[in-house]
C-alpha atoms as a PDB file:
ATOM      1  CA  UNK A   1      54.928  98.092 102.277  1.00  0.00           C
ATOM      2  CA  UNK A   2      51.629  99.378 103.629  1.00  0.00           C
ATOM      3  CA  UNK A   3      50.379 102.849 102.732  1.00  0.00           C
ATOM      4  CA  UNK A   4      50.054 103.742 106.398  1.00  0.00           C
ATOM      5  CA  UNK A   5      53.778 103.195 106.933  1.00  0.00           C
ATOM      6  CA  UNK A   6      54.810 105.576 104.129  1.00  0.00           C
ATOM      7  CA  UNK A   7      53.907 108.815 105.987  1.00  0.00           C
ATOM      8  CA  UNK A   8      52.198 110.251 102.912  1.00  0.00           C
ATOM      9  CA  UNK A   9      50.820 113.779 102.747  1.00  0.00           C
ATOM     10  CA  UNK A  10      47.195 114.518 102.002  1.00  0.00           C
ATOM     11  CA  UNK A  11      44.968 117.543 101.448  1.00  0.00           C
ATOM     12  CA  UNK A  12      41.217 118.011 101.195  1.00  0.00           C
ATOM     13  CA  UNK A  13      39.445 120.396  98.853  1.00  0.00           C
ATOM     14  CA  UNK A  14      35.643 120.223  98.728  1.00  0.00           C
ATOM     15  CA  UNK A  15      32.898 122.550  97.589  1.00  0.00           C
ATOM     16  CA  UNK A  16      29.260 122.787  98.585  1.00  0.00           C
ATOM     17  CA  UNK A  17      26.354 124.685  97.132  1.00  0.00           C
ATOM     18  CA  UNK A  18      25.086 126.175 100.362  1.00  0.00           C
ATOM     19  CA  UNK A  19      26.947 128.157 102.970  1.00  0.00           C
ATOM     20  CA  UNK A  20      25.487 126.701 106.153  1.00  0.00           C
ATOM     21  CA  UNK A  21      28.190 126.227 108.762  1.00  0.00           C
ATOM     22  CA  UNK A  22      27.087 122.621 109.436  1.00  0.00           C
ATOM     23  CA  UNK A  23      27.461 121.531 105.795  1.00  0.00           C
ATOM     24  CA  UNK A  24      31.084 120.426 106.077  1.00  0.00           C
ATOM     25  CA  UNK A  25      31.000 119.092 109.633  1.00  0.00           C
ATOM     26  CA  UNK A  26      30.788 115.405 108.728  1.00  0.00           C
ATOM     27  CA  UNK A  27      33.108 115.640 105.724  1.00  0.00           C
ATOM     28  CA  UNK A  28      35.740 117.334 107.871  1.00  0.00           C
ATOM     29  CA  UNK A  29      35.330 114.766 110.626  1.00  0.00           C
ATOM     30  CA  UNK A  30      35.584 111.849 108.179  1.00  0.00           C
ATOM     31  CA  UNK A  31      38.704 113.319 106.538  1.00  0.00           C
ATOM     32  CA  UNK A  32      40.399 113.754 109.902  1.00  0.00           C
ATOM     33  CA  UNK A  33      39.524 110.194 110.877  1.00  0.00           C
ATOM     34  CA  UNK A  34      40.962 108.836 107.618  1.00  0.00           C
ATOM     35  CA  UNK A  35      44.273 110.679 107.674  1.00  0.00           C
ATOM     36  CA  UNK A  36      44.837 109.823 111.327  1.00  0.00           C
ATOM     37  CA  UNK A  37      43.913 106.178 110.758  1.00  0.00           C
ATOM     38  CA  UNK A  38      46.211 105.937 107.724  1.00  0.00           C
ATOM     39  CA  UNK A  39      49.021 107.770 109.535  1.00  0.00           C
ATOM     40  CA  UNK A  40      49.090 110.448 106.799  1.00  0.00           C
ATOM     41  CA  UNK A  41      50.081 114.063 107.307  1.00  0.00           C
ATOM     42  CA  UNK A  42      47.369 116.569 106.439  1.00  0.00           C
ATOM     43  CA  UNK A  43      48.866 119.592 104.687  1.00  0.00           C
ATOM     44  CA  UNK A  44      45.631 121.525 104.425  1.00  0.00           C
ATOM     45  CA  UNK A  45      41.893 121.663 104.054  1.00  0.00           C
ATOM     46  CA  UNK A  46      39.711 123.939 102.002  1.00  0.00           C
ATOM     47  CA  UNK A  47      36.022 123.581 102.780  1.00  0.00           C
ATOM     48  CA  UNK A  48      34.406 125.749 100.140  1.00  0.00           C
ATOM     49  CA  UNK A  49      30.996 126.881 101.316  1.00  0.00           C
ATOM     50  CA  UNK A  50      28.669 128.629  98.866  1.00  0.00           C
ATOM     51  CA  UNK A  51      30.426 127.356  95.732  1.00  0.00           C
ATOM     52  CA  UNK A  52      27.449 125.997  93.812  1.00  0.00           C
ATOM     53  CA  UNK A  53      28.286 127.571  90.465  1.00  0.00           C
ATOM     54  CA  UNK A  54      31.426 128.669  88.679  1.00  0.00           C
ATOM     55  CA  UNK A  55      30.618 132.335  89.280  1.00  0.00           C
ATOM     56  CA  UNK A  56      29.907 131.709  92.978  1.00  0.00           C
ATOM     57  CA  UNK A  57      33.233 129.916  93.303  1.00  0.00           C
ATOM     58  CA  UNK A  58      35.252 132.480  91.360  1.00  0.00           C
ATOM     59  CA  UNK A  59      33.981 135.314  93.530  1.00  0.00           C
ATOM     60  CA  UNK A  60      34.722 133.451  96.765  1.00  0.00           C
ATOM     61  CA  UNK A  61      37.862 133.423  98.877  1.00  0.00           C
ATOM     62  CA  UNK A  62      38.401 129.731  98.143  1.00  0.00           C
ATOM     63  CA  UNK A  63      40.059 130.118  94.740  1.00  0.00           C
ATOM     64  CA  UNK A  64      42.941 132.036  96.303  1.00  0.00           C
ATOM     65  CA  UNK A  65      43.143 129.566  99.197  1.00  0.00           C
ATOM     66  CA  UNK A  66      43.331 126.647  96.760  1.00  0.00           C
ATOM     67  CA  UNK A  67      46.048 128.403  94.786  1.00  0.00           C
ATOM     68  CA  UNK A  68      48.073 129.055  97.946  1.00  0.00           C
ATOM     69  CA  UNK A  69      47.638 125.462  99.101  1.00  0.00           C
ATOM     70  CA  UNK A  70      48.828 124.186  95.729  1.00  0.00           C
ATOM     71  CA  UNK A  71      51.882 126.440  95.800  1.00  0.00           C
ATOM     72  CA  UNK A  72      52.781 125.204  99.288  1.00  0.00           C
ATOM     73  CA  UNK A  73      52.970 121.554  98.241  1.00  0.00           C
ATOM     74  CA  UNK A  74      56.401 120.076  97.627  1.00  0.00           C
END
C-alpha cells in the first residue's frame, strides 16, 4: 500500500532565528505542496519566528501553540 493512499495526518513545527515575515514563506509553501501531493491531512502548522535561543522561544507564543497542537492530536 502506498503512503499517499493511507490518508495520514501531518503537522509542521519549525523555528527560525529572525522574525521577518518572509522567513517562513518557502517552508510553508513546500509543506503545503508535500501534504497535498501525498494526500495527507494537515492538522496544524506552527511557524515560530524569532525563536533563535531557548529564552527567545520560551518567552514566545509558540510554546503554548505547540502544546495545544500536541494535545489536539489523536
